[in-house]
Amino acid sequence: MQTIDVLRAWGPVVEGEALVMTEGFSPRYDLDRTTGVISRIGHSVEGRSVKDRILVIPTSKGGVAGGWAFLDLLQKGIAPLGMVFGKLNPVMVQGAVLAGMPVTEGWNPNALECIGSGDLIRVDPPARTITVLCKADGRGV
């Protein structure tokens, strides 16, 4: 297993499949909030669902819409399990807390170099760690 330390974290421990993005994420501008599918043309995970995934995102983007969008997704049953950011903004933190969704910021080593889409990961906010449990190809870590 490979462990990544995080600088800041909030929420309960969660395990799930990673969905790794190579650019920022906004629940308002990048996501179809009726389906939970990334709808922005050209986004690195365009056409992929965020439902029941742990989103690995280098940076947040957008404004106040993130404060309520995650609760909206949760109520529709299409929310991600959690989010791990390299850099995030206070609005994303507010949205995650409102929805009870684990959120982290800061990586050592760089999560984008350690985690791939489809990998099984554990986010442990109390311990401030992310652990790669199993690679998408079934290899152990």
Protein backbone atom coordinates (compact mmCIF):
# COMPACT_ATOMS: atom_id res chain seq x y z
CA MET A 1 0.00 0.00 0.00
CA GLN A 2 1.18 3.50 -0.79
CA THR A 3 0.32 6.36 1.56
CA ILE A 4 0.08 10.04 0.69
CA ASP A 5 0.16 12.63 3.46
CA VAL A 6 -2.24 15.57 3.24
CA LEU A 7 -1.86 19.04 4.73
CA ARG A 8 -5.48 19.61 5.78
CA ALA A 9 -8.50 17.32 5.96
CA TRP A 10 -12.07 17.12 7.22
CA GLY A 11 -14.72 14.41 7.38
CA PRO A 12 -15.14 10.69 7.95
CA VAL A 13 -12.95 7.90 6.57
CA VAL A 14 -14.10 6.72 3.15
CA GLU A 15 -12.96 4.08 0.65
CA GLY A 16 -13.80 3.98 -3.02
CA GLU A 17 -12.76 4.20 -6.63
CA ALA A 18 -10.69 7.23 -7.64
CA LEU A 19 -11.63 9.52 -10.52
CA VAL A 20 -8.49 11.51 -11.33
CA MET A 21 -8.74 14.88 -13.06
CA THR A 22 -5.81 16.72 -14.62
CA GLU A 23 -7.39 20.16 -14.28
CA GLY A 24 -9.60 22.05 -11.85
CA PHE A 25 -13.18 21.12 -11.09
CA SER A 26 -16.34 23.15 -10.59
CA PRO A 27 -19.62 21.41 -9.73
CA ARG A 28 -21.45 24.23 -11.45
CA TYR A 29 -19.57 24.57 -14.72
CA ASP A 30 -18.08 21.11 -15.35
CA LEU A 31 -20.89 18.84 -14.19
CA ASP A 32 -24.39 17.96 -15.34
CA ARG A 33 -26.06 18.15 -11.93
CA THR A 34 -29.03 16.05 -13.07
CA THR A 35 -26.89 13.02 -14.00
CA GLY A 36 -23.61 13.47 -12.10
CA VAL A 37 -21.63 13.19 -15.36
CA ILE A 38 -18.79 15.56 -16.27
CA SER A 39 -20.30 17.49 -19.17
CA ARG A 40 -17.74 20.18 -19.99
CA ILE A 41 -16.35 19.45 -23.45
CA GLY A 42 -12.63 18.79 -23.28
CA HIS A 43 -12.48 18.12 -19.54
CA SER A 44 -10.01 15.32 -18.74
CA VAL A 45 -12.84 13.10 -17.43
CA GLU A 46 -15.59 14.28 -19.81
CA GLY A 47 -18.41 11.74 -19.90
CA ARG A 48 -17.44 10.08 -16.60
CA SER A 49 -19.73 9.98 -13.57
CA VAL A 50 -18.69 11.40 -10.20
CA LYS A 51 -21.30 9.27 -8.41
CA ASP A 52 -19.75 7.17 -5.64
CA ARG A 53 -16.20 8.11 -6.72
CA ILE A 54 -13.45 9.83 -4.78
CA LEU A 55 -12.43 12.80 -6.90
CA VAL A 56 -8.71 13.53 -7.14
CA ILE A 57 -8.37 17.12 -8.34
CA PRO A 58 -5.31 19.36 -8.67
CA THR A 59 -7.23 22.57 -7.95
CA SER A 60 -10.71 23.92 -7.37
CA LYS A 61 -12.37 26.53 -9.52
CA GLY A 62 -15.59 28.43 -9.47
CA GLY A 63 -17.37 30.42 -6.84
CA VAL A 64 -20.30 30.29 -4.49
CA ALA A 65 -22.21 27.57 -6.39
CA GLY A 66 -19.96 24.93 -4.86
CA GLY A 67 -21.37 25.84 -1.46
CA TRP A 68 -24.71 24.23 -2.25
CA ALA A 69 -24.02 22.02 -5.29
CA PHE A 70 -22.60 19.09 -3.30
CA LEU A 71 -25.63 18.99 -1.00
CA ASP A 72 -27.83 19.07 -4.12
CA LEU A 73 -25.88 16.13 -5.60
CA LEU A 74 -26.16 14.22 -2.32
CA GLN A 75 -29.93 14.73 -2.18
CA LYS A 76 -30.21 13.48 -5.80
CA GLY A 77 -28.14 10.36 -4.98
CA ILE A 78 -25.36 11.24 -7.46
CA ALA A 79 -22.69 12.74 -5.17
CA PRO A 80 -19.04 11.76 -5.03
CA LEU A 81 -17.85 9.92 -1.90
CA GLY A 82 -15.15 12.50 -1.22
CA MET A 83 -12.67 14.90 -2.78
CA VAL A 84 -8.90 15.19 -2.51
CA PHE A 85 -7.45 18.45 -3.79
CA GLY A 86 -3.95 19.68 -4.35
CA LYS A 87 -5.25 23.20 -3.72
CA LEU A 88 -8.78 24.14 -2.81
CA ASN A 89 -10.81 27.22 -1.96
CA PRO A 90 -13.05 27.98 1.05
CA VAL A 91 -16.24 27.58 -1.01
CA MET A 92 -15.38 23.94 -1.82
CA VAL A 93 -14.66 23.31 1.86
CA GLN A 94 -18.03 24.85 2.76
CA GLY A 95 -19.80 22.68 0.19
CA ALA A 96 -18.09 19.50 1.33
CA VAL A 97 -18.85 20.16 5.00
CA LEU A 98 -22.48 21.01 4.20
CA ALA A 99 -22.83 17.68 2.37
CA GLY A 100 -20.84 15.72 5.00
CA MET A 101 -18.32 14.77 2.30
CA PRO A 102 -14.65 14.14 3.23
CA VAL A 103 -12.30 16.72 1.73
CA THR A 104 -8.51 17.09 1.83
CA GLU A 105 -5.91 19.57 0.59
CA GLY A 106 -2.20 19.27 -0.11
CA TRP A 107 -0.26 16.14 -1.12
CA ASN A 108 3.09 14.61 -0.27
CA PRO A 109 3.96 12.95 -2.57
CA ASN A 110 1.90 14.33 -5.49
CA ALA A 111 -1.33 12.32 -5.66
CA LEU A 112 -1.54 12.80 -9.44
CA GLU A 113 1.66 10.76 -9.75
CA CYS A 114 0.48 8.01 -7.39
CA ILE A 115 -3.24 7.54 -8.05
CA GLY A 116 -4.95 6.62 -11.31
CA SER A 117 -8.62 6.59 -12.21
CA GLY A 118 -10.10 3.29 -11.12
CA ASP A 119 -7.64 2.73 -8.25
CA LEU A 120 -9.20 1.79 -4.93
CA ILE A 121 -8.21 4.39 -2.32
CA ARG A 122 -8.92 5.19 1.32
CA VAL A 123 -9.20 8.79 2.48
CA ASP A 124 -8.62 9.11 6.22
CA PRO A 125 -9.13 12.75 7.24
CA PRO A 126 -8.45 12.19 10.98
CA ALA A 127 -5.04 10.67 10.10
CA ARG A 128 -4.54 13.16 7.23
CA THR A 129 -3.67 10.37 4.80
CA ILE A 130 -4.75 8.92 1.47
CA THR A 131 -3.87 5.27 0.91
CA VAL A 132 -3.80 3.49 -2.44
CA LEU A 133 -5.25 0.07 -1.59
CA CYS A 134 -5.32 -1.52 -5.04
CA LYS A 135 -4.42 -0.32 -8.53
CA ALA A 136 -7.12 -0.36 -11.21
CA ASP A 137 -5.36 -3.22 -13.01
CA GLY A 138 -5.67 -5.39 -9.88
CA ARG A 139 -2.01 -5.10 -8.90
CA GLY A 140 -1.30 -4.67 -5.25
CA VAL A 141 0.53 -1.57 -4.18
